[in-house]
């Protein structure tokens, strides 16, 4: 399940970076979204052989995105602009973190049950 979450989130972040570039002519969106999205896709690929490292990295990248979108929401609010997209990205990042945490603790519980 966790690999699928990382795959879907990586694709969404990558597409979000491309959309920011196409719709808003934002090179920063393309670089940031493209970079983080690609890194998440690499985490997806690595998860088959090194799941602990891959999921920790995916979690850290998701925290970075959560921090960025929180800051972006704050600046948009101060400018009196709509925060719908930024708030939606915060919710998405929080859900991804929750699912990654759930998968981690489920795996730990299963390992403890099989050992004891």
Protein backbone atom coordinates (compact mmCIF):
# COMPACT_ATOMS: atom_id res chain seq x y z
CA UNK A 1 0.00 0.00 0.00
CA UNK A 2 2.73 2.50 0.94
CA UNK A 3 4.50 2.07 -2.41
CA UNK A 4 1.27 2.86 -4.23
CA UNK A 5 0.75 5.99 -2.11
CA UNK A 6 4.27 7.19 -2.93
CA UNK A 7 3.74 6.46 -6.63
CA UNK A 8 0.45 8.36 -6.82
CA UNK A 9 1.75 11.28 -4.75
CA UNK A 10 4.93 11.47 -6.85
CA UNK A 11 2.90 11.62 -10.06
CA UNK A 12 0.58 14.28 -8.62
CA UNK A 13 3.48 16.46 -7.45
CA UNK A 14 5.24 16.09 -10.79
CA UNK A 15 2.07 16.99 -12.70
CA UNK A 16 1.46 19.89 -10.32
CA UNK A 17 4.88 21.31 -11.16
CA UNK A 18 4.18 21.01 -14.87
CA UNK A 19 0.73 22.58 -14.43
CA UNK A 20 2.24 25.49 -12.50
CA UNK A 21 4.63 26.08 -15.36
CA UNK A 22 2.01 25.76 -18.12
CA UNK A 23 -0.73 27.76 -16.41
CA UNK A 24 1.32 30.30 -14.49
CA UNK A 25 4.59 30.38 -16.45
CA UNK A 26 6.32 29.50 -13.17
CA UNK A 27 9.76 28.02 -13.73
CA UNK A 28 10.07 27.61 -9.96
CA UNK A 29 6.98 25.37 -9.95
CA UNK A 30 8.44 23.26 -12.73
CA UNK A 31 11.78 22.86 -10.98
CA UNK A 32 10.40 22.30 -7.46
CA UNK A 33 7.42 20.13 -8.43
CA UNK A 34 9.43 18.28 -11.03
CA UNK A 35 12.31 17.70 -8.65
CA UNK A 36 10.25 16.56 -5.68
CA UNK A 37 7.92 14.52 -7.90
CA UNK A 38 10.86 12.78 -9.55
CA UNK A 39 12.48 12.14 -6.16
CA UNK A 40 9.24 10.57 -4.93
CA UNK A 41 9.13 8.34 -8.00
CA UNK A 42 12.71 7.28 -7.27
CA UNK A 43 11.58 6.47 -3.71
CA UNK A 44 8.82 4.34 -5.19
CA UNK A 45 11.35 2.42 -7.27
CA UNK A 46 13.78 2.01 -4.35
CA UNK A 47 11.05 0.81 -2.00
CA UNK A 48 11.17 -2.68 -3.49
CA UNK A 49 14.77 -3.22 -2.35
CA UNK A 50 15.31 -0.65 0.41
CA UNK A 51 11.88 0.14 1.85
CA UNK A 52 13.04 1.77 5.08
CA UNK A 53 15.27 4.28 3.32
CA UNK A 54 12.73 4.92 0.55
CA UNK A 55 9.77 5.54 2.86
CA UNK A 56 11.78 7.72 5.24
CA UNK A 57 12.92 9.84 2.31
CA UNK A 58 9.37 10.00 0.93
CA UNK A 59 8.15 11.07 4.36
CA UNK A 60 10.77 13.82 4.58
CA UNK A 61 9.92 15.06 1.08
CA UNK A 62 6.25 15.10 2.03
CA UNK A 63 7.08 17.14 5.15
CA UNK A 64 8.97 19.60 2.96
CA UNK A 65 5.91 19.91 0.71
CA UNK A 66 3.66 20.33 3.75
CA UNK A 67 5.88 23.14 5.02
CA UNK A 68 6.01 24.82 1.62
CA UNK A 69 2.25 24.74 1.11
CA UNK A 70 1.65 25.95 4.68
CA UNK A 71 3.90 28.94 4.01
CA UNK A 72 2.24 29.51 0.63
CA UNK A 73 -1.21 29.45 2.25
CA UNK A 74 -0.06 32.03 4.79
CA UNK A 75 1.31 34.37 2.11
CA UNK A 76 -1.80 34.01 -0.06
CA UNK A 77 -4.03 34.83 2.91
CA UNK A 78 -2.00 37.98 3.61
CA UNK A 79 -2.35 38.99 -0.05
CA UNK A 80 -6.12 38.44 0.10
CA UNK A 81 -5.98 35.75 -2.59
CA UNK A 82 -7.70 32.38 -2.79
CA UNK A 83 -6.07 29.63 -0.75
CA UNK A 84 -8.04 26.71 -2.21
CA UNK A 85 -5.17 25.13 -4.19
CA UNK A 86 -2.63 25.60 -1.41
CA UNK A 87 -5.02 24.28 1.24
CA UNK A 88 -5.83 21.29 -0.96
CA UNK A 89 -2.13 20.50 -1.24
CA UNK A 90 -1.79 20.69 2.54
CA UNK A 91 -4.61 18.18 2.95
CA UNK A 92 -3.08 15.89 0.32
CA UNK A 93 0.37 15.98 1.96
CA UNK A 94 -1.18 15.32 5.39
CA UNK A 95 -3.11 12.32 4.04
CA UNK A 96 0.05 10.94 2.43
CA UNK A 97 1.97 11.33 5.71
CA UNK A 98 -0.86 9.62 7.57
CA UNK A 99 -0.91 6.69 5.16
CA UNK A 100 2.88 6.32 5.31
CA UNK A 101 2.76 6.36 9.12
CA UNK A 102 -0.06 3.82 9.14
CA UNK A 103 1.88 1.51 6.80
CA UNK A 104 4.99 1.85 8.98
CA UNK A 105 3.26 1.04 12.25
CA UNK A 106 1.31 -1.82 10.67
CA UNK A 107 4.58 -3.33 9.44
CA UNK A 108 6.19 -2.92 12.86
CA UNK A 109 3.19 -4.59 14.51
CA UNK A 110 3.26 -7.49 12.05
CA UNK A 111 6.99 -7.97 12.57
CA UNK A 112 6.58 -7.99 16.35
CA UNK A 113 3.74 -10.51 16.11
CA UNK A 114 5.75 -12.85 13.89
CA UNK A 115 8.77 -12.69 16.19
CA UNK A 116 6.91 -13.14 19.45
